[in-house]
Amino acid sequence: MGLASLWVSDRMLLPTKPRDTWDEESWPDIFATVYDPIEMLTWVAAQTKSVKLGSRVLSGLFQNPVTLARRFATLDRLSGGRAIAGIGQGDFRDEFLAANVPLKRRGRGFEEFVLALRAVWGPDPVSFSGMFYTIPESWIGPKPVQSGGIPLLLGAFEPKALERATRIADGIMPVAGRNTTIERLGQHLNGFRDMARRAGRDPERMMAILNVHNALSDEKVSEPRPLLSGTPKQAADDLLGLGKLGIDHIFYDMNYPAAIPIDTQLRLLRNLVELSALNK
């Protein structure tokens, strides 16, 4: 199909009596069975040669940073350096309870988790000492194939999380939802890049990979419409504006239009790929 990347999501469980709402709606039934993201990507790596392999977003705090770093590095080596690590700190109380991790670990604890993860990807011997995580000086492998480690992007939306991403990550993964417009997305990205400058980072080197929660369709959607929704032609027109914002990599989350058959989604996505190639 000419796709540049393939992404998988992460979810631990589907609570029967959720303590939190899901995007102001009921939790999707598909969360009852979610395959492990690293195992899924490794399976895909064995059957492909060039497509990038990303997680969006893996809940880091439910795992040990040394173990997760080694799993990602294994994927990177087996795929020849194609891994992208999109991680987050977790959202829902039910999952924190099941993982036996306190909700207050979010924030400072997540920042420490990311620093420990990066330490494992760095040169040996590895050591780390923090409030929540400790790694005694050790030789830890395998190491990623990619120079400088696997690209690490955070699922960050609020100002404090965005500021954290400018200090410890390689970029962010904004979401195009039903209320997203080019103008709002541009404001979001400009704010993030301003934070990056203040943190002493080069904003041009910070990645922004757009996760689309809106569906393609055969029927034209009237304006105003959700960003990258409607027919492949309508979505292709949106891509021109996104390029001006500095976003050159997007992917559609096919979990969201769950009522649309996967064959239909792939056909429409193929059409969009073809149209976007013509626009270039």
Protein backbone atom coordinates (compact mmCIF):
# COMPACT_ATOMS: atom_id res chain seq x y z
CA MET A 1 0.00 0.00 0.00
CA GLY A 2 3.00 2.31 0.23
CA LEU A 3 2.55 2.99 3.94
CA ALA A 4 5.52 4.35 5.88
CA SER A 5 4.60 2.88 9.26
CA LEU A 6 2.31 0.52 11.15
CA TRP A 7 1.08 1.20 14.69
CA VAL A 8 -0.45 -0.85 17.46
CA SER A 9 -2.24 0.29 20.62
CA ASP A 10 -2.03 -0.85 24.22
CA ARG A 11 -4.82 -1.54 26.69
CA MET A 12 -4.77 -3.78 29.74
CA LEU A 13 -8.43 -4.57 30.35
CA LEU A 14 -12.09 -3.72 29.87
CA PRO A 15 -13.61 -3.08 33.32
CA THR A 16 -17.22 -4.19 33.83
CA LYS A 17 -17.81 -1.22 36.16
CA PRO A 18 -15.34 1.48 35.03
CA ARG A 19 -14.16 4.03 37.58
CA ASP A 20 -13.48 6.49 34.75
CA THR A 21 -15.26 7.30 31.49
CA TRP A 22 -13.64 6.69 28.13
CA ASP A 23 -13.55 9.91 26.10
CA GLU A 24 -16.90 10.89 27.62
CA GLU A 25 -18.41 7.67 26.26
CA SER A 26 -18.60 4.00 27.22
CA TRP A 27 -15.45 1.92 26.91
CA PRO A 28 -15.10 0.20 23.49
CA ASP A 29 -15.77 -3.55 23.54
CA ILE A 30 -12.55 -4.14 21.60
CA PHE A 31 -10.58 -3.40 24.80
CA ALA A 32 -11.61 -6.82 26.12
CA THR A 33 -8.88 -8.39 23.95
CA VAL A 34 -5.85 -6.29 23.02
CA TYR A 35 -2.74 -8.11 21.82
CA ASP A 36 0.54 -7.08 23.44
CA PRO A 37 2.08 -4.29 21.32
CA ILE A 38 5.72 -5.45 21.35
CA GLU A 39 4.84 -9.03 20.46
CA MET A 40 2.55 -7.80 17.68
CA LEU A 41 5.23 -5.53 16.22
CA THR A 42 7.83 -8.30 16.39
CA TRP A 43 5.46 -10.56 14.47
CA VAL A 44 5.06 -7.85 11.82
CA ALA A 45 8.82 -7.22 11.72
CA ALA A 46 9.41 -10.82 10.67
CA GLN A 47 7.13 -10.38 7.66
CA THR A 48 8.20 -6.92 6.44
CA LYS A 49 11.39 -5.19 5.34
CA SER A 50 11.03 -1.41 5.50
CA VAL A 51 7.85 -0.25 7.27
CA LYS A 52 8.41 1.55 10.59
CA LEU A 53 6.93 -0.15 13.66
CA GLY A 54 5.36 2.06 16.34
CA SER A 55 3.45 1.79 19.59
CA ARG A 56 0.68 4.29 20.30
CA VAL A 57 0.75 4.56 23.20
CA LEU A 58 2.24 1.89 25.42
CA SER A 59 1.46 2.45 29.11
CA GLY A 60 4.97 2.65 30.53
CA LEU A 61 4.23 2.86 34.25
CA PHE A 62 2.64 -0.60 34.25
CA GLN A 63 6.04 -2.10 33.36
CA ASN A 64 9.61 -2.13 34.60
CA PRO A 65 11.86 0.30 32.66
CA VAL A 66 14.72 -2.20 32.29
CA THR A 67 12.44 -4.93 30.97
CA LEU A 68 10.61 -2.59 28.60
CA ALA A 69 13.88 -1.08 27.33
CA ARG A 70 15.20 -4.56 26.51
CA ARG A 71 11.98 -5.56 24.77
CA PHE A 72 12.03 -2.45 22.59
CA ALA A 73 15.73 -2.95 21.85
CA THR A 74 15.06 -6.56 20.86
CA LEU A 75 12.36 -5.38 18.46
CA ASP A 76 14.72 -2.76 17.04
CA ARG A 77 17.47 -5.30 16.41
CA LEU A 78 15.19 -7.94 14.90
CA SER A 79 13.60 -5.34 12.61
CA GLY A 80 16.87 -3.74 11.54
CA GLY A 81 16.27 -0.45 13.34
CA ARG A 82 12.58 0.20 12.56
CA ALA A 83 11.09 0.67 16.04
CA ILE A 84 9.38 3.84 17.28
CA ALA A 85 8.54 3.92 20.99
CA GLY A 86 5.37 5.85 21.68
CA ILE A 87 4.67 5.66 25.40
CA GLY A 88 2.41 7.27 27.98
CA GLN A 89 1.93 7.20 31.72
CA GLY A 90 -1.51 5.59 31.79
CA ASP A 91 -4.94 7.12 32.27
CA PHE A 92 -7.44 4.98 34.11
CA ARG A 93 -7.73 3.97 37.75
CA ASP A 94 -8.83 0.42 36.95
CA GLU A 95 -5.60 -0.25 35.08
CA PHE A 96 -3.44 1.26 37.82
CA LEU A 97 -5.20 -0.99 40.34
CA ALA A 98 -4.64 -4.07 38.18
CA ALA A 99 -0.96 -3.16 37.67
CA ASN A 100 -0.52 -2.54 41.42
CA VAL A 101 0.98 0.87 40.66
CA PRO A 102 -0.18 3.95 42.60
CA LEU A 103 -1.84 6.67 40.54
CA LYS A 104 0.46 9.23 42.17
CA ARG A 105 3.38 7.65 40.26
CA ARG A 106 2.24 9.75 37.31
CA GLY A 107 4.16 12.93 36.60
CA ARG A 108 7.51 12.80 38.37
CA GLY A 109 7.50 9.01 38.44
CA PHE A 110 6.83 8.80 34.72
CA GLU A 111 9.64 11.25 33.98
CA GLU A 112 11.99 9.08 36.01
CA PHE A 113 10.73 5.99 34.16
CA VAL A 114 11.65 7.55 30.80
CA LEU A 115 15.12 8.56 32.02
CA ALA A 116 15.75 5.02 33.28
CA LEU A 117 14.53 3.59 29.96
CA ARG A 118 16.94 5.83 28.05
CA ALA A 119 19.79 4.89 30.38
CA VAL A 120 19.37 1.22 29.46
CA TRP A 121 19.57 2.12 25.76
CA GLY A 122 22.80 4.04 26.43
CA PRO A 123 26.36 2.76 26.75
CA ASP A 124 27.36 0.12 29.27
CA PRO A 125 27.81 -0.06 32.14
CA VAL A 126 24.33 1.26 32.92
CA SER A 127 23.36 2.72 36.27
CA PHE A 128 20.43 4.79 37.51
CA SER A 129 19.39 6.05 40.90
CA GLY A 130 16.09 7.80 41.49
CA MET A 131 13.21 8.05 43.90
CA PHE A 132 11.15 5.36 42.14
CA TYR A 133 13.63 3.33 40.08
CA THR A 134 17.15 2.06 40.72
CA ILE A 135 19.47 0.21 38.34
CA PRO A 136 22.70 -1.09 39.90
CA GLU A 137 25.74 -0.58 37.66
CA SER A 138 25.40 -3.37 35.11
CA TRP A 139 25.93 -4.48 31.55
CA ILE A 140 22.47 -4.56 29.96
CA GLY A 141 21.70 -5.68 26.43
CA PRO A 142 20.67 -5.81 23.73
CA LYS A 143 21.14 -2.22 22.63
CA PRO A 144 19.03 -0.61 19.89
CA VAL A 145 20.34 -0.58 16.33
CA GLN A 146 19.40 3.06 15.83
CA SER A 147 22.09 5.54 16.69
CA GLY A 148 21.15 7.51 19.79
CA GLY A 149 18.49 4.99 20.75
CA ILE A 150 14.95 4.34 19.57
CA PRO A 151 12.92 7.49 18.79
CA LEU A 152 10.80 8.07 21.89
CA LEU A 153 7.55 10.01 21.63
CA LEU A 154 5.16 10.83 24.45
CA GLY A 155 1.40 10.93 24.45
CA ALA A 156 1.28 14.48 25.87
CA PHE A 157 -1.59 16.97 25.69
CA GLU A 158 -1.66 19.19 28.79
CA PRO A 159 0.93 22.00 29.24
CA LYS A 160 2.82 20.21 32.03
CA ALA A 161 3.05 17.00 29.99
CA LEU A 162 4.16 18.91 26.89
CA GLU A 163 6.87 20.67 28.86
CA ARG A 164 8.05 17.29 30.15
CA ALA A 165 8.21 15.96 26.60
CA THR A 166 10.49 18.82 25.51
CA ARG A 167 13.02 17.76 28.15
CA ILE A 168 13.01 13.97 27.99
CA ALA A 169 11.51 12.85 24.65
CA ASP A 170 12.09 13.15 20.92
CA GLY A 171 8.61 14.44 20.20
CA ILE A 172 4.89 14.09 20.80
CA MET A 173 1.88 12.34 19.29
CA PRO A 174 -1.01 14.81 18.98
CA VAL A 175 -4.49 13.48 18.22
CA ALA A 176 -6.86 14.59 15.46
CA GLY A 177 -10.29 14.06 17.03
CA ARG A 178 -13.76 15.18 16.09
CA ASN A 179 -13.16 18.73 17.41
CA THR A 180 -9.68 19.18 15.94
CA THR A 181 -9.10 21.89 13.36
CA ILE A 182 -5.97 22.94 11.50
CA GLU A 183 -5.95 26.16 13.55
CA ARG A 184 -6.18 24.38 16.92
CA LEU A 185 -3.55 21.84 15.95
CA GLY A 186 -1.25 24.64 14.80
CA GLN A 187 -1.63 26.42 18.14
CA HIS A 188 -0.88 23.18 19.98
CA LEU A 189 2.29 22.54 17.95
CA ASN A 190 3.50 26.14 18.16
CA GLY A 191 3.10 26.05 21.93
CA PHE A 192 5.10 22.82 22.10
CA ARG A 193 7.87 24.22 19.92
CA ASP A 194 8.08 27.38 22.05
CA MET A 195 8.50 25.16 25.11
CA ALA A 196 11.23 23.22 23.30
CA ARG A 197 13.16 26.42 22.61
CA ARG A 198 12.92 27.44 26.26
CA ALA A 199 14.22 24.00 27.22
CA GLY A 200 17.25 24.45 24.97
CA ARG A 201 16.03 21.93 22.38
CA ASP A 202 15.90 22.47 18.63
CA PRO A 203 12.17 22.48 17.75
CA GLU A 204 12.99 21.46 14.18
CA ARG A 205 14.37 18.18 15.49
CA MET A 206 11.34 17.41 17.65
CA MET A 207 8.96 14.97 15.98
CA ALA A 208 5.18 15.33 15.82
CA ILE A 209 3.37 12.23 14.54
CA LEU A 210 -0.37 12.79 14.18
CA ASN A 211 -2.76 10.07 15.38
CA VAL A 212 -6.11 10.36 13.54
CA HIS A 213 -9.28 9.26 15.35
CA ASN A 214 -11.59 10.34 12.52
CA ALA A 215 -12.89 8.00 9.84
CA LEU A 216 -12.60 8.07 6.08
CA SER A 217 -15.79 7.41 4.13
CA ASP A 218 -17.17 6.97 0.62
CA GLU A 219 -19.61 9.82 1.17
CA LYS A 220 -18.50 13.44 1.12
CA VAL A 221 -18.79 15.12 4.53
CA SER A 222 -20.15 18.65 4.64
CA GLU A 223 -18.00 21.48 5.99
CA PRO A 224 -16.96 22.14 8.65
CA ARG A 225 -15.84 18.57 9.22
CA PRO A 226 -13.39 16.79 11.53
CA LEU A 227 -9.79 17.01 10.36
CA LEU A 228 -8.77 14.24 7.90
CA SER A 229 -12.29 12.85 7.77
CA GLY A 230 -14.62 12.48 4.79
CA THR A 231 -13.64 11.08 1.43
CA PRO A 232 -10.00 10.32 0.60
CA LYS A 233 -10.03 13.43 -1.62
CA GLN A 234 -11.19 15.63 1.29
CA ALA A 235 -8.55 14.14 3.58
CA ALA A 236 -5.85 14.56 0.92
CA ASP A 237 -6.68 18.27 0.77
CA ASP A 238 -6.13 18.45 4.56
CA LEU A 239 -2.68 16.93 4.15
CA LEU A 240 -1.47 20.03 2.32
CA GLY A 241 -2.27 22.16 5.37
CA LEU A 242 -0.66 19.68 7.73
CA GLY A 243 2.56 19.80 5.75
CA LYS A 244 2.72 23.55 6.35
CA LEU A 245 2.43 22.87 10.10
CA GLY A 246 5.52 20.69 9.98
CA ILE A 247 3.69 17.36 10.26
CA ASP A 248 4.89 14.88 7.66
CA HIS A 249 3.81 11.65 9.34
CA ILE A 250 0.26 10.64 10.27
CA PHE A 251 -1.59 7.41 10.93
CA TYR A 252 -5.24 6.44 11.27
CA ASP A 253 -6.31 4.62 14.42
CA MET A 254 -8.69 2.03 13.02
CA ASN A 255 -10.05 1.12 16.44
CA TYR A 256 -12.24 4.19 16.46
CA PRO A 257 -14.55 3.72 13.49
CA ALA A 258 -15.21 0.23 14.82
CA ALA A 259 -18.51 -0.10 12.92
CA ILE A 260 -16.71 0.28 9.57
CA PRO A 261 -15.42 -3.05 8.16
CA ILE A 262 -11.64 -3.25 8.09
CA ASP A 263 -11.61 -4.05 4.36
CA THR A 264 -13.47 -0.80 3.71
CA GLN A 265 -11.08 1.17 5.91
CA LEU A 266 -8.05 -0.26 4.11
CA ARG A 267 -9.54 0.47 0.68
CA LEU A 268 -10.18 4.09 1.62
CA LEU A 269 -6.73 4.41 3.17
CA ARG A 270 -5.17 3.01 0.00
CA ASN A 271 -7.02 5.68 -1.99
CA LEU A 272 -5.72 8.37 0.35
CA VAL A 273 -2.14 7.13 -0.04
CA GLU A 274 -2.48 7.30 -3.82
CA LEU A 275 -3.95 10.81 -3.72
CA SER A 276 -1.31 12.08 -1.29
CA ALA A 277 1.40 10.78 -3.62
CA LEU A 278 -0.16 12.77 -6.46
CA ASN A 279 -0.23 15.90 -4.27
CA LYS A 280 3.52 15.60 -3.72
